[in-house]
PDB file of N, CA and C in Angstrom:
ATOM      1  N   MET A   1      80.972  41.741  92.296  1.00  0.00           N
ATOM      2  CA  MET A   1      80.853  41.120  93.329  1.00  0.00           C
ATOM      3  C   MET A   1      81.069  39.849  92.647  1.00  0.00           C
ATOM      4  N   PHE A   2      80.018  39.167  92.539  1.00  0.00           N
ATOM      5  CA  PHE A   2      79.660  38.528  91.535  1.00  0.00           C
ATOM      6  C   PHE A   2      79.197  38.872  90.221  1.00  0.00           C
ATOM      7  N   ASP A   3      80.193  37.853  89.283  1.00  0.00           N
ATOM      8  CA  ASP A   3      80.274  37.984  87.664  1.00  0.00           C
ATOM      9  C   ASP A   3      78.907  37.359  86.890  1.00  0.00           C
ATOM     10  N   ILE A   4      76.956  38.462  87.160  1.00  0.00           N
ATOM     11  CA  ILE A   4      75.562  37.567  86.203  1.00  0.00           C
ATOM     12  C   ILE A   4      75.298  38.255  86.109  1.00  0.00           C
ATOM     13  N   GLY A   5      75.383  37.480  84.594  1.00  0.00           N
ATOM     14  CA  GLY A   5      75.079  38.856  83.902  1.00  0.00           C
ATOM     15  C   GLY A   5      73.825  38.909  83.584  1.00  0.00           C
ATOM     16  N   PHE A   6      72.504  39.449  82.600  1.00  0.00           N
ATOM     17  CA  PHE A   6      71.349  39.271  82.763  1.00  0.00           C
ATOM     18  C   PHE A   6      70.676  37.950  82.481  1.00  0.00           C
ATOM     19  N   GLY A   7      70.950  36.871  81.451  1.00  0.00           N
ATOM     20  CA  GLY A   7      70.103  35.829  80.907  1.00  0.00           C
ATOM     21  C   GLY A   7      70.069  35.087  82.461  1.00  0.00           C
ATOM     22  N   GLU A   8      71.463  35.229  82.818  1.00  0.00           N
ATOM     23  CA  GLU A   8      71.723  34.797  84.215  1.00  0.00           C
ATOM     24  C   GLU A   8      70.584  33.958  85.289  1.00  0.00           C
ATOM     25  N   ILE A   9      70.003  36.215  85.750  1.00  0.00           N
ATOM     26  CA  ILE A   9      69.245  36.460  86.315  1.00  0.00           C
ATOM     27  C   ILE A   9      67.471  35.722  85.991  1.00  0.00           C
ATOM     28  N   LEU A  10      67.485  36.166  85.182  1.00  0.00           N
ATOM     29  CA  LEU A  10      66.153  35.377  84.095  1.00  0.00           C
ATOM     30  C   LEU A  10      65.871  34.225  84.291  1.00  0.00           C
ATOM     31  N   VAL A  11      67.140  33.087  84.130  1.00  0.00           N
ATOM     32  CA  VAL A  11      67.167  31.317  84.982  1.00  0.00           C
ATOM     33  C   VAL A  11      67.047  31.556  85.883  1.00  0.00           C
ATOM     34  N   ILE A  12      67.308  31.531  86.644  1.00  0.00           N
ATOM     35  CA  ILE A  12      67.084  32.302  88.616  1.00  0.00           C
ATOM     36  C   ILE A  12      65.681  32.788  88.913  1.00  0.00           C
ATOM     37  N   PHE A  13      64.964  33.828  88.383  1.00  0.00           N
ATOM     38  CA  PHE A  13      64.144  34.161  88.288  1.00  0.00           C
ATOM     39  C   PHE A  13      62.629  32.704  87.497  1.00  0.00           C
ATOM     40  N   VAL A  14      63.173  33.155  87.055  1.00  0.00           N
ATOM     41  CA  VAL A  14      62.071  31.436  86.142  1.00  0.00           C
ATOM     42  C   VAL A  14      61.960  29.946  87.235  1.00  0.00           C
ATOM     43  N   VAL A  15      62.962  29.061  87.205  1.00  0.00           N
ATOM     44  CA  VAL A  15      63.521  28.166  88.172  1.00  0.00           C
ATOM     45  C   VAL A  15      62.387  28.764  89.196  1.00  0.00           C
ATOM     46  N   LEU A  16      63.015  29.935  90.006  1.00  0.00           N
ATOM     47  CA  LEU A  16      62.036  29.920  91.108  1.00  0.00           C
ATOM     48  C   LEU A  16      60.459  30.276  91.509  1.00  0.00           C
ATOM     49  N   LEU A  17      60.562  31.047  90.330  1.00  0.00           N
ATOM     50  CA  LEU A  17      59.256  31.122  90.019  1.00  0.00           C
ATOM     51  C   LEU A  17      58.128  29.668  90.092  1.00  0.00           C
ATOM     52  N   LEU A  18      58.785  28.368  88.976  1.00  0.00           N
ATOM     53  CA  LEU A  18      58.650  27.315  89.172  1.00  0.00           C
ATOM     54  C   LEU A  18      58.266  26.728  90.126  1.00  0.00           C
ATOM     55  N   VAL A  19      59.392  26.408  90.840  1.00  0.00           N
ATOM     56  CA  VAL A  19      59.479  25.946  92.589  1.00  0.00           C
ATOM     57  C   VAL A  19      58.589  26.807  92.963  1.00  0.00           C
ATOM     58  N   VAL A  20      58.452  27.670  93.941  1.00  0.00           N
ATOM     59  CA  VAL A  20      58.275  29.047  94.691  1.00  0.00           C
ATOM     60  C   VAL A  20      56.949  29.092  95.007  1.00  0.00           C
ATOM     61  N   GLY A  21      56.148  29.625  93.239  1.00  0.00           N
ATOM     62  CA  GLY A  21      55.095  29.850  93.177  1.00  0.00           C
ATOM     63  C   GLY A  21      54.629  31.403  93.147  1.00  0.00           C
ATOM     64  N   PRO A  22      53.683  31.207  92.085  1.00  0.00           N
ATOM     65  CA  PRO A  22      53.403  32.848  92.020  1.00  0.00           C
ATOM     66  C   PRO A  22      52.923  33.509  93.163  1.00  0.00           C
ATOM     67  N   GLU A  23      51.940  32.506  94.221  1.00  0.00           N
ATOM     68  CA  GLU A  23      51.977  32.942  95.293  1.00  0.00           C
ATOM     69  C   GLU A  23      52.641  33.506  95.857  1.00  0.00           C
ATOM     70  N   ARG A  24      53.254  32.802  96.554  1.00  0.00           N
ATOM     71  CA  ARG A  24      54.720  32.997  97.616  1.00  0.00           C
ATOM     72  C   ARG A  24      55.862  33.796  97.067  1.00  0.00           C
ATOM     73  N   MET A  25      55.409  34.016  95.703  1.00  0.00           N
ATOM     74  CA  MET A  25      57.108  34.362  95.424  1.00  0.00           C
ATOM     75  C   MET A  25      57.266  36.256  95.860  1.00  0.00           C
ATOM     76  N   PRO A  26      56.392  36.681  96.306  1.00  0.00           N
ATOM     77  CA  PRO A  26      56.560  38.208  96.896  1.00  0.00           C
ATOM     78  C   PRO A  26      57.077  38.099  98.522  1.00  0.00           C
ATOM     79  N   THR A  27      56.645  37.528  98.787  1.00  0.00           N
ATOM     80  CA  THR A  27      57.256  36.683 100.182  1.00  0.00           C
ATOM     81  C   THR A  27      58.719  36.369 100.061  1.00  0.00           C
ATOM     82  N   VAL A  28      58.607  35.349  99.257  1.00  0.00           N
ATOM     83  CA  VAL A  28      60.178  34.543  99.392  1.00  0.00           C
ATOM     84  C   VAL A  28      60.941  36.228  98.787  1.00  0.00           C
ATOM     85  N   ALA A  29      60.821  36.750  97.814  1.00  0.00           N
ATOM     86  CA  ALA A  29      61.909  37.806  97.754  1.00  0.00           C
ATOM     87  C   ALA A  29      62.059  39.011  98.832  1.00  0.00           C
ATOM     88  N   ARG A  30      60.974  39.017  99.895  1.00  0.00           N
ATOM     89  CA  ARG A  30      60.964  40.530 100.853  1.00  0.00           C
ATOM     90  C   ARG A  30      61.664  40.003 101.912  1.00  0.00           C
ATOM     91  N   THR A  31      62.003  37.807 102.239  1.00  0.00           N
ATOM     92  CA  THR A  31      62.663  37.482 102.799  1.00  0.00           C
ATOM     93  C   THR A  31      64.268  37.311 102.400  1.00  0.00           C
ATOM     94  N   THR A  32      64.358  37.179 101.330  1.00  0.00           N
ATOM     95  CA  THR A  32      65.593  37.328 100.251  1.00  0.00           C
ATOM     96  C   THR A  32      66.256  39.095 100.828  1.00  0.00           C
ATOM     97  N   ALA A  33      65.454  39.979 100.727  1.00  0.00           N
ATOM     98  CA  ALA A  33      65.992  40.824 100.274  1.00  0.00           C
ATOM     99  C   ALA A  33      66.348  40.852 101.771  1.00  0.00           C
ATOM    100  N   LEU A  34      65.279  40.943 102.687  1.00  0.00           N
ATOM    101  CA  LEU A  34      66.274  41.289 104.412  1.00  0.00           C
ATOM    102  C   LEU A  34      67.453  40.554 104.639  1.00  0.00           C
ATOM    103  N   TRP A  35      67.425  39.023 104.035  1.00  0.00           N
ATOM    104  CA  TRP A  35      69.331  37.968 105.150  1.00  0.00           C
ATOM    105  C   TRP A  35      69.731  39.056 103.664  1.00  0.00           C
ATOM    106  N   LEU A  36      69.804  39.270 102.657  1.00  0.00           N
ATOM    107  CA  LEU A  36      71.163  40.273 101.901  1.00  0.00           C
ATOM    108  C   LEU A  36      71.164  41.310 102.632  1.00  0.00           C
ATOM    109  N   LYS A  37      70.345  41.922 103.108  1.00  0.00           N
ATOM    110  CA  LYS A  37      71.108  43.128 103.897  1.00  0.00           C
ATOM    111  C   LYS A  37      71.591  43.327 104.856  1.00  0.00           C
ATOM    112  N   LYS A  38      71.178  42.231 105.692  1.00  0.00           N
ATOM    113  CA  LYS A  38      71.504  41.566 107.009  1.00  0.00           C
ATOM    114  C   LYS A  38      73.142  41.348 106.910  1.00  0.00           C
ATOM    115  N   ILE A  39      73.511  40.625 105.123  1.00  0.00           N
ATOM    116  CA  ILE A  39      74.388  40.245 105.575  1.00  0.00           C
ATOM    117  C   ILE A  39      75.585  41.448 105.284  1.00  0.00           C
ATOM    118  N   ARG A  40      75.090  42.349 103.983  1.00  0.00           N
ATOM    119  CA  ARG A  40      75.891  43.587 103.904  1.00  0.00           C
ATOM    120  C   ARG A  40      76.325  44.283 105.004  1.00  0.00           C
ATOM    121  N   GLY A  41      75.350  44.098 106.102  1.00  0.00           N
ATOM    122  CA  GLY A  41      75.169  44.879 107.295  1.00  0.00           C
ATOM    123  C   GLY A  41      76.278  44.002 108.186  1.00  0.00           C
ATOM    124  N   LEU A  42      76.545  43.015 107.993  1.00  0.00           N
ATOM    125  CA  LEU A  42      77.074  42.501 108.860  1.00  0.00           C
ATOM    126  C   LEU A  42      78.897  42.349 108.406  1.00  0.00           C
ATOM    127  N   ILE A  43      78.817  42.773 106.707  1.00  0.00           N
ATOM    128  CA  ILE A  43      80.148  42.110 106.277  1.00  0.00           C
ATOM    129  C   ILE A  43      81.155  44.147 106.614  1.00  0.00           C
ATOM    130  N   SER A  44      79.809  45.118 106.157  1.00  0.00           N
ATOM    131  CA  SER A  44      80.613  46.164 106.227  1.00  0.00           C
ATOM    132  C   SER A  44      80.862  45.988 107.746  1.00  0.00           C
ATOM    133  N   GLN A  45      80.596  45.465 108.970  1.00  0.00           N
ATOM    134  CA  GLN A  45      81.115  45.764 110.595  1.00  0.00           C
ATOM    135  C   GLN A  45      81.812  45.347 110.885  1.00  0.00           C
ATOM    136  N   VAL A  46      82.188  44.339 110.221  1.00  0.00           N
ATOM    137  CA  VAL A  46      83.458  43.204 110.512  1.00  0.00           C
ATOM    138  C   VAL A  46      84.788  44.295 109.370  1.00  0.00           C
ATOM    139  N   LYS A  47      84.275  44.517 108.570  1.00  0.00           N
ATOM    140  CA  LYS A  47      84.764  45.301 106.973  1.00  0.00           C
ATOM    141  C   LYS A  47      85.604  46.351 108.298  1.00  0.00           C
ATOM    142  N   GLN A  48      84.349  47.491 109.026  1.00  0.00           N
ATOM    143  CA  GLN A  48      85.361  48.881 109.425  1.00  0.00           C
ATOM    144  C   GLN A  48      85.597  47.811 110.520  1.00  0.00           C
ATOM    145  N   GLU A  49      86.007  47.130 111.837  1.00  0.00           N
ATOM    146  CA  GLU A  49      86.598  46.856 112.859  1.00  0.00           C
ATOM    147  C   GLU A  49      87.647  46.431 112.619  1.00  0.00           C
ATOM    148  N   VAL A  50      88.070  45.563 111.584  1.00  0.00           N
ATOM    149  CA  VAL A  50      89.515  44.937 111.166  1.00  0.00           C
ATOM    150  C   VAL A  50      90.059  46.214 110.567  1.00  0.00           C
ATOM    151  N   GLU A  51      89.583  47.102 109.514  1.00  0.00           N
ATOM    152  CA  GLU A  51      89.976  48.873 109.512  1.00  0.00           C
ATOM    153  C   GLU A  51      90.707  49.597 110.743  1.00  0.00           C
ATOM    154  N   GLN A  52      89.318  49.516 111.838  1.00  0.00           N
ATOM    155  CA  GLN A  52      89.781  49.960 113.142  1.00  0.00           C
ATOM    156  C   GLN A  52      91.018  49.408 113.502  1.00  0.00           C
ATOM    157  N   GLU A  53      91.684  48.054 113.673  1.00  0.00           N
ATOM    158  CA  GLU A  53      92.409  47.826 114.479  1.00  0.00           C
ATOM    159  C   GLU A  53      93.939  47.661 113.605  1.00  0.00           C
ATOM    160  N   LEU A  54      93.087  47.746 112.690  1.00  0.00           N
ATOM    161  CA  LEU A  54      94.519  48.357 111.859  1.00  0.00           C
ATOM    162  C   LEU A  54      95.347  48.708 112.129  1.00  0.00           C
ATOM    163  N   HIS A  55      94.316  50.086 111.319  1.00  0.00           N
ATOM    164  CA  HIS A  55      95.163  51.697 112.358  1.00  0.00           C
ATOM    165  C   HIS A  55      95.782  51.874 113.508  1.00  0.00           C
ATOM    166  N   ALA A  56      94.485  51.287 114.561  1.00  0.00           N
ATOM    167  CA  ALA A  56      94.976  51.106 116.274  1.00  0.00           C
ATOM    168  C   ALA A  56      96.759  50.352 116.168  1.00  0.00           C
ATOM    169  N   GLU A  57      96.407  49.417 115.274  1.00  0.00           N
ATOM    170  CA  GLU A  57      98.593  48.540 115.211  1.00  0.00           C
ATOM    171  C   GLU A  57      99.009  49.812 115.171  1.00  0.00           C
ATOM    172  N   GLU A  58      98.999  50.063 113.893  1.00  0.00           N
ATOM    173  CA  GLU A  58      99.911  51.214 113.144  1.00  0.00           C
ATOM    174  C   GLU A  58     100.046  52.654 114.010  1.00  0.00           C
ATOM    175  N   LEU A  59      99.236  53.237 115.261  1.00  0.00           N
ATOM    176  CA  LEU A  59      99.571  53.672 115.830  1.00  0.00           C
ATOM    177  C   LEU A  59     100.580  52.989 116.908  1.00  0.00           C
ATOM    178  N   ARG A  60     100.263  52.020 117.813  1.00  0.00           N
ATOM    179  CA  ARG A  60     101.165  51.396 119.090  1.00  0.00           C
ATOM    180  C   ARG A  60     102.772  51.032 117.968  1.00  0.00           C
ATOM    181  N   GLN A  61     102.467  50.540 116.778  1.00  0.00           N
ATOM    182  CA  GLN A  61     103.691  50.477 116.079  1.00  0.00           C
ATOM    183  C   GLN A  61     104.706  51.951 115.942  1.00  0.00           C
ATOM    184  N   SER A  62     103.509  53.158 115.646  1.00  0.00           N
ATOM    185  CA  SER A  62     104.550  53.551 115.413  1.00  0.00           C
ATOM    186  C   SER A  62     105.017  54.717 116.885  1.00  0.00           C
ATOM    187  N   LEU A  63     104.461  54.757 118.114  1.00  0.00           N
ATOM    188  CA  LEU A  63     104.195  55.123 119.411  1.00  0.00           C
ATOM    189  C   LEU A  63     105.632  54.406 119.834  1.00  0.00           C
ATOM    190  N   ARG A  64     105.975  52.849 119.430  1.00  0.00           N
ATOM    191  CA  ARG A  64     106.814  51.433 119.819  1.00  0.00           C
ATOM    192  C   ARG A  64     107.389  52.459 119.286  1.00  0.00           C
ATOM    193  N   LYS A  65     108.434  53.141 117.781  1.00  0.00           N
ATOM    194  CA  LYS A  65     109.343  53.510 117.543  1.00  0.00           C
ATOM    195  C   LYS A  65     109.518  55.177 117.899  1.00  0.00           C
ATOM    196  N   ASN A  66     109.206  55.509 118.268  1.00  0.00           N
ATOM    197  CA  ASN A  66     109.114  57.060 118.794  1.00  0.00           C
ATOM    198  C   ASN A  66     109.548  57.344 120.463  1.00  0.00           C
ATOM    199  N   ILE A  67     108.676  56.212 121.039  1.00  0.00           N
ATOM    200  CA  ILE A  67     109.265  55.367 122.518  1.00  0.00           C
ATOM    201  C   ILE A  67     110.347  54.869 122.781  1.00  0.00           C
ATOM    202  N   ASP A  68     111.044  54.462 121.878  1.00  0.00           N
ATOM    203  CA  ASP A  68     112.232  53.714 122.109  1.00  0.00           C
ATOM    204  C   ASP A  68     113.151  53.847 120.925  1.00  0.00           C
ATOM    205  N   LEU A  69     113.714  55.048 120.842  1.00  0.00           N
ATOM    206  CA  LEU A  69     114.562  55.299 119.952  1.00  0.00           C
ATOM    207  C   LEU A  69     115.752  55.637 121.279  1.00  0.00           C
ATOM    208  N   PRO A  70     116.707  55.085 120.585  1.00  0.00           N
ATOM    209  CA  PRO A  70     118.232  54.706 121.998  1.00  0.00           C
ATOM    210  C   PRO A  70     118.744  56.299 121.560  1.00  0.00           C
ATOM    211  N   ASP A  71     118.589  57.455 120.451  1.00  0.00           N
ATOM    212  CA  ASP A  71     119.200  58.973 120.017  1.00  0.00           C
ATOM    213  C   ASP A  71     118.653  59.583 121.729  1.00  0.00           C
ATOM    214  N   LEU A  72     117.436  59.244 121.696  1.00  0.00           N
ATOM    215  CA  LEU A  72     117.310  60.647 122.658  1.00  0.00           C
ATOM    216  C   LEU A  72     117.318  60.018 124.305  1.00  0.00           C
ATOM    217  N   LYS A  73     117.649  58.749 125.283  1.00  0.00           N
ATOM    218  CA  LYS A  73     117.843  58.870 125.607  1.00  0.00           C
ATOM    219  C   LYS A  73     119.358  58.936 126.283  1.00  0.00           C
ATOM    220  N   LYS A  74     120.512  58.840 125.215  1.00  0.00           N
ATOM    221  CA  LYS A  74     121.784  59.490 125.724  1.00  0.00           C
ATOM    222  C   LYS A  74     122.190  60.912 125.230  1.00  0.00           C
ATOM    223  N   PRO A  75     121.038  61.927 124.699  1.00  0.00           N
ATOM    224  CA  PRO A  75     121.215  62.903 124.654  1.00  0.00           C
ATOM    225  C   PRO A  75     121.219  63.710 126.480  1.00  0.00           C
ATOM    226  N   HIS A  76     119.536  63.388 126.942  1.00  0.00           N
ATOM    227  CA  HIS A  76     119.734  63.543 127.923  1.00  0.00           C
ATOM    228  C   HIS A  76     120.456  62.758 129.209  1.00  0.00           C
ATOM    229  N   GLN A  77     121.597  61.857 128.862  1.00  0.00           N
ATOM    230  CA  GLN A  77     121.825  61.046 129.977  1.00  0.00           C
ATOM    231  C   GLN A  77     123.139  61.987 129.578  1.00  0.00           C
ATOM    232  N   ASP A  78     123.888  62.521 128.853  1.00  0.00           N
ATOM    233  CA  ASP A  78     125.070  62.892 129.099  1.00  0.00           C
ATOM    234  C   ASP A  78     124.531  64.509 129.472  1.00  0.00           C
ATOM    235  N   SER A  79     123.715  65.589 128.622  1.00  0.00           N
ATOM    236  CA  SER A  79     123.406  66.479 129.887  1.00  0.00           C
ATOM    237  C   SER A  79     123.190  66.259 131.210  1.00  0.00           C
ATOM    238  N   SER A  80     122.810  65.173 131.672  1.00  0.00           N
ATOM    239  CA  SER A  80     121.831  64.650 133.365  1.00  0.00           C
ATOM    240  C   SER A  80     124.324  64.354 133.894  1.00  0.00           C
ATOM    241  N   ASP A  81     124.785  64.299 132.920  1.00  0.00           N
ATOM    242  CA  ASP A  81     126.212  64.230 133.675  1.00  0.00           C
ATOM    243  C   ASP A  81     126.720  65.309 133.421  1.00  0.00           C
ATOM    244  N   HIS A  82     126.175  66.508 132.865  1.00  0.00           N
ATOM    245  CA  HIS A  82     127.975  67.738 133.034  1.00  0.00           C
ATOM    246  C   HIS A  82     126.583  67.611 134.022  1.00  0.00           C
ATOM    247  N   THR A  83     125.299  68.542 133.923  1.00  0.00           N
ATOM    248  CA  THR A  83     124.924  69.589 135.287  1.00  0.00           C
ATOM    249  C   THR A  83     125.529  68.670 136.690  1.00  0.00           C
ATOM    250  N   HIS A  84     125.218  66.940 136.805  1.00  0.00           N
ATOM    251  CA  HIS A  84     126.189  66.754 137.771  1.00  0.00           C
ATOM    252  C   HIS A  84     127.583  67.266 137.719  1.00  0.00           C
ATOM    253  N   HIS A  85     129.039  67.249 137.090  1.00  0.00           N
ATOM    254  CA  HIS A  85     129.778  67.206 136.747  1.00  0.00           C
ATOM    255  C   HIS A  85     129.904  68.843 137.679  1.00  0.00           C
ATOM    256  N   SER A  86     129.156  69.726 137.178  1.00  0.00           N
ATOM    257  CA  SER A  86     128.833  71.375 137.042  1.00  0.00           C
ATOM    258  C   SER A  86     128.531  71.021 138.421  1.00  0.00           C
ATOM    259  N   ILE A  87     128.065  70.626 138.790  1.00  0.00           N
ATOM    260  CA  ILE A  87     127.409  71.071 140.552  1.00  0.00           C
ATOM    261  C   ILE A  87     128.628  69.762 141.224  1.00  0.00           C
ATOM    262  N   LYS A  88     128.935  68.949 141.269  1.00  0.00           N
ATOM    263  CA  LYS A  88     130.393  69.165 142.190  1.00  0.00           C
ATOM    264  C   LYS A  88     131.490  69.254 141.771  1.00  0.00           C
ATOM    265  N   LYS A  89     131.839  70.162 140.277  1.00  0.00           N
ATOM    266  CA  LYS A  89     133.126  71.312 140.567  1.00  0.00           C
ATOM    267  C   LYS A  89     132.486  72.519 140.985  1.00  0.00           C
ATOM    268  N   SER A  90     131.375  72.716 141.224  1.00  0.00           N
ATOM    269  CA  SER A  90     131.009  74.279 142.077  1.00  0.00           C
ATOM    270  C   SER A  90     131.285  74.179 143.631  1.00  0.00           C
ATOM    271  N   SER A  91     130.769  72.707 144.027  1.00  0.00           N
ATOM    272  CA  SER A  91     130.712  72.252 145.271  1.00  0.00           C
ATOM    273  C   SER A  91     132.416  72.230 145.321  1.00  0.00           C
ATOM    274  N   ASP A  92     132.997  71.637 145.025  1.00  0.00           N
ATOM    275  CA  ASP A  92     134.462  71.543 145.629  1.00  0.00           C
ATOM    276  C   ASP A  92     135.163  73.420 145.590  1.00  0.00           C
ATOM    277  N   ASP A  93     134.488  74.138 144.844  1.00  0.00           N
ATOM    278  CA  ASP A  93     135.096  75.620 144.751  1.00  0.00           C
ATOM    279  C   ASP A  93     134.882  76.230 145.684  1.00  0.00           C
ATOM    280  N   LEU A  94     133.806  75.884 146.382  1.00  0.00           N
ATOM    281  CA  LEU A  94     133.167  76.026 147.906  1.00  0.00           C
ATOM    282  C   LEU A  94     134.804  75.916 149.423  1.00  0.00           C
TER     283      LEU A  94
END
């Protein structure tokens, strides 16, 4: 994710040690770890929700394509017309 090398981490650690001091360093490390864990959890949750929405939208589009096919309506209408014509012819014969 971030391109941080060992030397850069060492510099950050030394600066943090000088600013915070050795007494409060474990507390700062724990607090930082908790915040990073929360941030990762939120990012993971948002990513999962976006993927679910994209999948749901793909399904909606697929259903729209399957329902709105004009070829499916025409054969049904033709067979209905044919049945109606057959019934009318049979009743005329009587």
